Each structure stands twice: as C-alpha cells, then as structure tokens.
C-alpha atoms as a PDB file:
ATOM      1  CA  MET A   1      59.203 289.176  97.675  1.00  0.00           C
ATOM      2  CA  SER A   2      56.437 289.578 100.233  1.00  0.00           C
ATOM      3  CA  ILE A   3      53.008 288.139 100.965  1.00  0.00           C
ATOM      4  CA  ASP A   4      50.024 290.479 100.812  1.00  0.00           C
ATOM      5  CA  VAL A   5      47.858 289.679 103.831  1.00  0.00           C
ATOM      6  CA  SER A   6      46.513 293.204 104.225  1.00  0.00           C
ATOM      7  CA  ARG A   7      42.927 292.401 103.280  1.00  0.00           C
ATOM      8  CA  VAL A   8      42.730 289.833 106.050  1.00  0.00           C
ATOM      9  CA  PHE A   9      44.975 291.032 108.865  1.00  0.00           C
ATOM     10  CA  GLY A  10      44.900 294.811 108.345  1.00  0.00           C
ATOM     11  CA  ALA A  11      46.315 297.145 105.759  1.00  0.00           C
ATOM     12  CA  GLN A  12      49.035 298.873 107.775  1.00  0.00           C
ATOM     13  CA  ASP A  13      52.066 298.016 109.803  1.00  0.00           C
ATOM     14  CA  GLN A  14      50.891 297.804 113.416  1.00  0.00           C
ATOM     15  CA  ARG A  15      53.921 296.413 115.197  1.00  0.00           C
ATOM     16  CA  ASP A  16      53.326 298.880 118.019  1.00  0.00           C
ATOM     17  CA  LYS A  17      50.645 296.451 119.187  1.00  0.00           C
ATOM     18  CA  ILE A  18      53.287 293.852 120.041  1.00  0.00           C
ATOM     19  CA  ASP A  19      53.783 295.348 123.493  1.00  0.00           C
ATOM     20  CA  GLN A  20      50.054 294.962 124.102  1.00  0.00           C
ATOM     21  CA  ARG A  21      50.183 291.277 123.203  1.00  0.00           C
ATOM     22  CA  PHE A  22      53.431 290.138 124.809  1.00  0.00           C
ATOM     23  CA  ASN A  23      54.732 290.971 128.260  1.00  0.00           C
ATOM     24  CA  ASP A  24      57.879 288.853 127.949  1.00  0.00           C
ATOM     25  CA  PRO A  25      61.043 290.431 126.507  1.00  0.00           C
ATOM     26  CA  ALA A  26      61.968 287.186 124.735  1.00  0.00           C
ATOM     27  CA  SER A  27      58.921 287.280 122.470  1.00  0.00           C
ATOM     28  CA  ARG A  28      59.464 290.940 121.721  1.00  0.00           C
ATOM     29  CA  ARG A  29      63.099 290.259 120.843  1.00  0.00           C
ATOM     30  CA  PHE A  30      62.145 287.323 118.609  1.00  0.00           C
ATOM     31  CA  LEU A  31      59.676 289.500 116.722  1.00  0.00           C
ATOM     32  CA  GLN A  32      62.356 292.156 116.288  1.00  0.00           C
ATOM     33  CA  HIS A  33      64.489 289.511 114.582  1.00  0.00           C
ATOM     34  CA  ALA A  34      61.487 288.587 112.421  1.00  0.00           C
ATOM     35  CA  ALA A  35      60.893 292.230 111.505  1.00  0.00           C
ATOM     36  CA  GLY A  36      64.452 292.425 110.210  1.00  0.00           C
ATOM     37  CA  ALA A  37      64.194 289.028 108.463  1.00  0.00           C
ATOM     38  CA  ASP A  38      67.172 287.878 110.549  1.00  0.00           C
ATOM     39  CA  LEU A  39      66.599 284.162 110.101  1.00  0.00           C
ATOM     40  CA  ALA A  40      69.857 283.186 111.804  1.00  0.00           C
ATOM     41  CA  ALA A  41      69.010 285.173 114.935  1.00  0.00           C
ATOM     42  CA  MET A  42      65.528 283.636 115.022  1.00  0.00           C
ATOM     43  CA  ALA A  43      66.999 280.138 114.828  1.00  0.00           C
ATOM     44  CA  ALA A  44      69.639 280.919 117.450  1.00  0.00           C
ATOM     45  CA  GLN A  45      67.033 282.161 119.904  1.00  0.00           C
ATOM     46  CA  VAL A  46      64.948 279.021 119.493  1.00  0.00           C
ATOM     47  CA  ARG A  47      68.026 276.830 119.842  1.00  0.00           C
ATOM     48  CA  GLY A  48      68.780 278.761 123.011  1.00  0.00           C
ATOM     49  CA  GLY A  49      65.503 277.656 124.545  1.00  0.00           C
ATOM     50  CA  TYR A  50      62.912 280.173 123.395  1.00  0.00           C
ATOM     51  CA  ASP A  51      59.453 278.607 122.901  1.00  0.00           C
ATOM     52  CA  ILE A  52      58.260 279.848 119.536  1.00  0.00           C
ATOM     53  CA  ASN A  53      54.681 279.038 120.557  1.00  0.00           C
ATOM     54  CA  THR A  54      54.763 281.332 123.580  1.00  0.00           C
ATOM     55  CA  ALA A  55      51.227 282.653 123.959  1.00  0.00           C
ATOM     56  CA  GLY A  56      50.544 286.315 124.563  1.00  0.00           C
ATOM     57  CA  ARG A  57      47.211 287.936 125.307  1.00  0.00           C
ATOM     58  CA  ASP A  58      44.213 286.062 123.848  1.00  0.00           C
ATOM     59  CA  GLY A  59      46.487 283.168 122.899  1.00  0.00           C
ATOM     60  CA  VAL A  60      48.281 285.068 120.138  1.00  0.00           C
ATOM     61  CA  THR A  61      51.632 283.457 119.266  1.00  0.00           C
ATOM     62  CA  PRO A  62      54.637 285.157 117.634  1.00  0.00           C
ATOM     63  CA  ALA A  63      53.712 283.706 114.231  1.00  0.00           C
ATOM     64  CA  MET A  64      50.191 285.071 114.520  1.00  0.00           C
ATOM     65  CA  ALA A  65      51.524 288.451 115.635  1.00  0.00           C
ATOM     66  CA  TYR A  66      54.010 288.591 112.767  1.00  0.00           C
ATOM     67  CA  VAL A  67      51.364 287.934 110.132  1.00  0.00           C
ATOM     68  CA  SER A  68      48.842 290.240 111.807  1.00  0.00           C
ATOM     69  CA  TYR A  69      50.977 293.282 112.599  1.00  0.00           C
ATOM     70  CA  PHE A  70      54.066 293.397 110.372  1.00  0.00           C
ATOM     71  CA  ARG A  71      54.177 294.716 106.816  1.00  0.00           C
ATOM     72  CA  PRO A  72      55.367 293.398 104.519  1.00  0.00           C
ATOM     73  CA  VAL A  73      54.998 289.746 105.482  1.00  0.00           C
ATOM     74  CA  ARG A  74      58.046 288.008 104.060  1.00  0.00           C
ATOM     75  CA  PRO A  75      57.554 284.367 103.005  1.00  0.00           C
ATOM     76  CA  GLU A  76      61.055 283.375 104.156  1.00  0.00           C
ATOM     77  CA  VAL A  77      60.253 284.616 107.672  1.00  0.00           C
ATOM     78  CA  LEU A  78      56.942 282.758 107.765  1.00  0.00           C
ATOM     79  CA  THR A  79      58.686 279.648 106.422  1.00  0.00           C
ATOM     80  CA  GLN A  80      61.408 279.951 109.065  1.00  0.00           C
ATOM     81  CA  MET A  81      58.870 280.299 111.874  1.00  0.00           C
ATOM     82  CA  ILE A  82      57.063 277.139 110.805  1.00  0.00           C
ATOM     83  CA  ALA A  83      60.354 275.294 110.328  1.00  0.00           C
ATOM     84  CA  LEU A  84      61.323 276.314 113.876  1.00  0.00           C
ATOM     85  CA  GLY A  85      58.133 274.739 115.214  1.00  0.00           C
ATOM     86  CA  ALA A  86      55.440 277.422 115.052  1.00  0.00           C
ATOM     87  CA  ASP A  87      52.063 275.708 115.433  1.00  0.00           C
ATOM     88  CA  ILE A  88      49.850 277.107 112.693  1.00  0.00           C
ATOM     89  CA  THR A  89      46.765 275.185 113.876  1.00  0.00           C
ATOM     90  CA  ARG A  90      46.954 276.189 117.534  1.00  0.00           C
ATOM     91  CA  PRO A  91      43.692 277.958 118.406  1.00  0.00           C
ATOM     92  CA  MET A  92      43.454 281.344 120.041  1.00  0.00           C
ATOM     93  CA  SER A  93      40.803 282.126 122.629  1.00  0.00           C
ATOM     94  CA  ASN A  94      38.240 282.454 119.815  1.00  0.00           C
ATOM     95  CA  ASN A  95      39.181 279.018 118.394  1.00  0.00           C
ATOM     96  CA  MET A  96      40.668 280.611 115.271  1.00  0.00           C
ATOM     97  CA  SER A  97      44.201 279.694 114.264  1.00  0.00           C
ATOM     98  CA  LEU A  98      46.855 281.198 112.022  1.00  0.00           C
ATOM     99  CA  LEU A  99      45.867 278.754 109.288  1.00  0.00           C
ATOM    100  CA  ASN A 100      42.275 280.012 109.383  1.00  0.00           C
ATOM    101  CA  GLY A 101      43.513 283.501 108.626  1.00  0.00           C
ATOM    102  CA  LEU A 102      45.963 282.382 105.955  1.00  0.00           C
ATOM    103  CA  ALA A 103      43.140 280.510 104.202  1.00  0.00           C
ATOM    104  CA  ARG A 104      41.629 283.914 103.419  1.00  0.00           C
ATOM    105  CA  VAL A 105      44.757 285.392 101.852  1.00  0.00           C
ATOM    106  CA  PRO A 106      44.453 285.674  98.038  1.00  0.00           C
ATOM    107  CA  ASP A 107      48.178 285.326  97.443  1.00  0.00           C
ATOM    108  CA  PRO A 108      49.875 282.189  96.022  1.00  0.00           C
ATOM    109  CA  GLY A 109      52.937 283.082  98.069  1.00  0.00           C
ATOM    110  CA  VAL A 110      51.117 281.907 101.185  1.00  0.00           C
ATOM    111  CA  LEU A 111      50.758 278.348  99.930  1.00  0.00           C
ATOM    112  CA  SER A 112      54.311 278.321  98.603  1.00  0.00           C
ATOM    113  CA  ALA A 113      55.620 279.387 102.005  1.00  0.00           C
ATOM    114  CA  LEU A 114      53.545 276.781 103.815  1.00  0.00           C
ATOM    115  CA  LEU A 115      54.593 273.965 101.500  1.00  0.00           C
ATOM    116  CA  ALA A 116      58.236 275.051 101.718  1.00  0.00           C
ATOM    117  CA  ALA A 117      57.989 274.733 105.495  1.00  0.00           C
ATOM    118  CA  GLY A 118      56.645 271.194 105.225  1.00  0.00           C
ATOM    119  CA  VAL A 119      52.978 271.902 105.943  1.00  0.00           C
ATOM    120  CA  SER A 120      50.792 269.097 104.575  1.00  0.00           C
ATOM    121  CA  PRO A 121      48.012 270.060 102.120  1.00  0.00           C
ATOM    122  CA  ASP A 122      45.761 267.810 104.239  1.00  0.00           C
ATOM    123  CA  THR A 123      46.384 269.694 107.486  1.00  0.00           C
ATOM    124  CA  ARG A 124      43.339 269.583 109.754  1.00  0.00           C
ATOM    125  CA  LEU A 125      42.360 272.401 112.092  1.00  0.00           C
ATOM    126  CA  PRO A 126      41.807 270.699 115.451  1.00  0.00           C
ATOM    127  CA  ALA A 127      39.539 273.319 116.990  1.00  0.00           C
ATOM    128  CA  ILE A 128      36.760 272.849 114.449  1.00  0.00           C
ATOM    129  CA  GLY A 129      37.786 269.711 112.570  1.00  0.00           C
ATOM    130  CA  GLU A 130      37.926 271.244 109.114  1.00  0.00           C
ATOM    131  CA  THR A 131      40.695 270.556 106.643  1.00  0.00           C
ATOM    132  CA  PHE A 132      42.779 273.348 105.141  1.00  0.00           C
ATOM    133  CA  LEU A 133      41.136 272.593 101.784  1.00  0.00           C
ATOM    134  CA  SER A 134      37.626 272.858 103.215  1.00  0.00           C
ATOM    135  CA  VAL A 135      38.476 276.133 104.955  1.00  0.00           C
ATOM    136  CA  ALA A 136      39.881 277.571 101.714  1.00  0.00           C
ATOM    137  CA  ILE A 137      36.674 276.601  99.893  1.00  0.00           C
ATOM    138  CA  ARG A 138      34.456 278.015 102.635  1.00  0.00           C
ATOM    139  CA  GLU A 139      36.420 281.282 102.575  1.00  0.00           C
ATOM    140  CA  GLY A 140      35.882 281.553  98.822  1.00  0.00           C
ATOM    141  CA  ASN A 141      39.611 281.331  98.121  1.00  0.00           C
ATOM    142  CA  THR A 142      39.395 279.496  94.821  1.00  0.00           C
ATOM    143  CA  GLU A 143      43.077 279.923  93.913  1.00  0.00           C
ATOM    144  CA  LEU A 144      44.202 278.474  97.218  1.00  0.00           C
ATOM    145  CA  ALA A 145      41.799 275.541  96.909  1.00  0.00           C
ATOM    146  CA  LEU A 146      43.069 274.790  93.406  1.00  0.00           C
ATOM    147  CA  GLY A 147      46.654 275.154  94.610  1.00  0.00           C
ATOM    148  CA  LEU A 148      46.067 272.710  97.451  1.00  0.00           C
ATOM    149  CA  LEU A 149      44.631 270.164  95.017  1.00  0.00           C
ATOM    150  CA  LYS A 150      47.660 270.560  92.743  1.00  0.00           C
ATOM    151  CA  ALA A 151      49.858 270.060  95.811  1.00  0.00           C
ATOM    152  CA  GLY A 152      48.174 266.715  96.484  1.00  0.00           C
ATOM    153  CA  ALA A 153      45.351 267.500  98.904  1.00  0.00           C
ATOM    154  CA  ASP A 154      42.888 264.626  99.299  1.00  0.00           C
ATOM    155  CA  PRO A 155      39.719 265.717  97.421  1.00  0.00           C
ATOM    156  CA  GLU A 156      37.557 263.434  99.588  1.00  0.00           C
ATOM    157  CA  LEU A 157      38.961 264.176 103.048  1.00  0.00           C
ATOM    158  CA  ALA A 158      35.881 265.149 105.040  1.00  0.00           C
ATOM    159  CA  SER A 159      35.566 267.391 108.058  1.00  0.00           C
ATOM    160  CA  ARG A 160      34.657 265.881 111.400  1.00  0.00           C
ATOM    161  CA  ASP A 161      30.997 266.515 110.635  1.00  0.00           C
ATOM    162  CA  HIS A 162      31.462 264.263 107.558  1.00  0.00           C
ATOM    163  CA  HIS A 163      31.034 267.202 105.174  1.00  0.00           C
ATOM    164  CA  THR A 164      33.175 266.617 102.084  1.00  0.00           C
ATOM    165  CA  PRO A 165      34.991 269.311 100.078  1.00  0.00           C
ATOM    166  CA  LEU A 166      32.662 268.612  97.137  1.00  0.00           C
ATOM    167  CA  GLN A 167      29.605 269.204  99.300  1.00  0.00           C
ATOM    168  CA  THR A 168      31.099 272.447 100.593  1.00  0.00           C
ATOM    169  CA  ALA A 169      31.896 273.676  97.072  1.00  0.00           C
ATOM    170  CA  ALA A 170      28.414 272.756  95.823  1.00  0.00           C
ATOM    171  CA  ASP A 171      26.681 274.378  98.782  1.00  0.00           C
ATOM    172  CA  LEU A 172      28.547 277.615  98.004  1.00  0.00           C
ATOM    173  CA  GLY A 173      28.068 277.349  94.248  1.00  0.00           C
ATOM    174  CA  ASN A 174      31.792 277.275  93.561  1.00  0.00           C
ATOM    175  CA  TRP A 175      31.677 275.094  90.472  1.00  0.00           C
ATOM    176  CA  VAL A 176      35.274 275.774  89.427  1.00  0.00           C
ATOM    177  CA  VAL A 177      36.445 274.119  92.643  1.00  0.00           C
ATOM    178  CA  ALA A 178      33.771 271.413  92.425  1.00  0.00           C
ATOM    179  CA  ALA A 179      34.930 270.471  88.921  1.00  0.00           C
ATOM    180  CA  ALA A 180      38.567 270.460  90.057  1.00  0.00           C
ATOM    181  CA  LEU A 181      37.669 268.189  92.974  1.00  0.00           C
ATOM    182  CA  ILE A 182      35.979 265.749  90.609  1.00  0.00           C
ATOM    183  CA  GLN A 183      38.970 265.832  88.262  1.00  0.00           C
ATOM    184  CA  ALA A 184      41.210 265.135  91.270  1.00  0.00           C
ATOM    185  CA  GLY A 185      39.219 262.029  92.173  1.00  0.00           C
ATOM    186  CA  ALA A 186      36.249 263.073  94.280  1.00  0.00           C
ATOM    187  CA  LYS A 187      33.527 260.474  93.914  1.00  0.00           C
ATOM    188  CA  ALA A 188      29.763 260.702  93.897  1.00  0.00           C
ATOM    189  CA  PRO A 189      28.362 261.327  97.369  1.00  0.00           C
ATOM    190  CA  PRO A 190      26.923 258.099  98.764  1.00  0.00           C
ATOM    191  CA  GLY A 191      23.134 257.693  98.666  1.00  0.00           C
ATOM    192  CA  ASP A 192      20.341 259.230  96.617  1.00  0.00           C
ATOM    193  CA  ASP A 193      19.820 262.016  99.144  1.00  0.00           C
ATOM    194  CA  GLU A 194      23.317 263.366  98.585  1.00  0.00           C
ATOM    195  CA  LEU A 195      22.993 263.110  94.825  1.00  0.00           C
ATOM    196  CA  SER A 196      19.686 264.956  95.036  1.00  0.00           C
ATOM    197  CA  ARG A 197      21.310 267.623  97.178  1.00  0.00           C
ATOM    198  CA  LEU A 198      24.010 268.144  94.574  1.00  0.00           C
ATOM    199  CA  ALA A 199      21.389 268.222  91.819  1.00  0.00           C
ATOM    200  CA  HIS A 200      19.427 270.839  93.743  1.00  0.00           C
ATOM    201  CA  ALA A 201      22.540 272.980  94.162  1.00  0.00           C
ATOM    202  CA  LEU A 202      23.232 272.746  90.436  1.00  0.00           C
ATOM    203  CA  ALA A 203      19.676 273.797  89.620  1.00  0.00           C
ATOM    204  CA  SER A 204      19.528 276.661  92.093  1.00  0.00           C
ATOM    205  CA  ARG A 205      23.032 278.072  91.574  1.00  0.00           C
ATOM    206  CA  ALA A 206      23.395 278.231  87.807  1.00  0.00           C
ATOM    207  CA  PRO A 207      25.896 280.930  86.734  1.00  0.00           C
ATOM    208  CA  ALA A 208      26.108 282.516  83.289  1.00  0.00           C
ATOM    209  CA  ALA A 209      27.092 279.836  80.804  1.00  0.00           C
ATOM    210  CA  GLU A 210      29.958 281.775  79.187  1.00  0.00           C
ATOM    211  CA  THR A 211      31.822 282.349  82.476  1.00  0.00           C
ATOM    212  CA  PRO A 212      34.425 279.989  83.975  1.00  0.00           C
ATOM    213  CA  GLN A 213      31.935 279.168  86.719  1.00  0.00           C
ATOM    214  CA  GLY A 214      29.280 278.460  84.082  1.00  0.00           C
ATOM    215  CA  GLN A 215      31.556 276.146  82.132  1.00  0.00           C
ATOM    216  CA  ALA A 216      32.525 274.313  85.314  1.00  0.00           C
ATOM    217  CA  HIS A 217      28.835 274.116  86.302  1.00  0.00           C
ATOM    218  CA  ALA A 218      28.084 272.361  83.002  1.00  0.00           C
ATOM    219  CA  ALA A 219      30.961 269.936  83.578  1.00  0.00           C
ATOM    220  CA  VAL A 220      29.698 269.032  87.050  1.00  0.00           C
ATOM    221  CA  ASN A 221      26.186 268.619  85.644  1.00  0.00           C
ATOM    222  CA  ARG A 222      27.473 266.156  83.037  1.00  0.00           C
ATOM    223  CA  TRP A 223      29.405 264.273  85.701  1.00  0.00           C
ATOM    224  CA  LEU A 224      26.336 264.010  87.913  1.00  0.00           C
ATOM    225  CA  ALA A 225      24.285 262.620  85.063  1.00  0.00           C
ATOM    226  CA  GLN A 226      26.886 259.884  84.601  1.00  0.00           C
ATOM    227  CA  GLN A 227      26.694 258.941  88.275  1.00  0.00           C
ATOM    228  CA  ARG A 228      22.962 258.381  88.202  1.00  0.00           C
ATOM    229  CA  PRO A 229      21.408 258.761  84.737  1.00  0.00           C
ATOM    230  CA  ALA A 230      17.873 258.706  86.115  1.00  0.00           C
ATOM    231  CA  LEU A 231      18.539 261.808  88.219  1.00  0.00           C
ATOM    232  CA  ARG A 232      18.170 265.165  86.512  1.00  0.00           C
ATOM    233  CA  PRO A 233      18.987 268.463  88.207  1.00  0.00           C
END
C-alpha cells in the first residue's frame, strides 16, 4: 500500500534532490532507510541521537523530503517518522509545513497514516493559525474534511482570525462540507451580519439541485431558515 501524493509534490521519484537539500550524511542515511521502508533502522538511528527534525536547505526536514521526493510514499514510513517525532507543523522558509501539503492530497491513506501516528484531527498550523480542518476545506479536499469530522475534529474550532470552518466552507461554496459541519454540531454564526453573510453565500453559490452539492445546499438553506426564520437567502 502506498499514498499517492504525486499531484501535490510531483509525479516522479526525485530522490536525487536529497543531496541538494541535505549536507549532513546522517540525514542522507536516514532517508536511505526510509526509501527502503526499514522502520527498525530508522528507529535505531533516532535512538542513537539523530534529530529527525534536522533542517536542510530552505528548512526542509527529512519528513518533508520523503513525501516530496520519494515514490511511492508508504504510509508505514510516514507513520514511523511522525511516531519518531517528526514535526509536521514546522514551517519552512515560506511558512508552509508538511501538513499544508498533505491537506492537498486526495488520498484517504494520508489521514489514516496521520491518525495512526497519533496526530490530532484538531492540529493547528502555528505559522498561519489555521486548523487542519480549515486547511483541508480551503484546499478543496472534501474527502479529507469529511474524514477529519468523522475522526472527531471540532466543527467550530476557528482559526486565529476567528474564521470558522463553516464560514470557510460557505465562502467557497462547498455545501457538502458545510452540511457535514452542521450535522457534526456547528452552530449558527453569532450576529445578524454573519447570518446574512451565509444567506448571501447560499444565494450566490447555488449548484444544480440534483447534484450532491445541490442537495447539501438545500439542507444548509433549511438549517439557516430554522436559525432565523425572518431571514431569507
């Protein structure tokens, strides 16, 4: 079993770039173990003092390099890296982290690997203050967002700018996720302005009624009417 991250991190094996990213032999050796899925050797090297968050050029860590350059990406290797202490929220020089990239991967194996390694569904990305759920919604990764909700993600956990997952889904017109958030316990946004904003989004982003998005749009519309009967989208 492998994880398909090609559409996000590149379609081909590019492990030749490792030498460009890491000058230290220890990181190169660790990634050789990862390439061979030698979990015992990876663990032994970390127990022997290797820092799994060693930063190469541009702040790239071994976990980032593995997901970016090696094909296929094996979930057991990713799980092992996280279990050994790989920081998936550590930002690179561009403030993007491994979790930002993984939020774009349309493969349920990614979430399974993260959960198996003990990653919380409510993980927050410190560089920009967004939650993993919000990032998944913003990236248009509906399956990941739904998976995070099933795994227990807080449907109301806002980003540092106080933007809620429901607001993000509505702003993007992702009514399947918006309906799932409501079903998971998301409440009406506080204040008439926020209700009006949601009503405006419903009116301006109406998908075809017979589609899953259209059916979810109708469900959110009904829910909004129950929150404030006098308000009509």
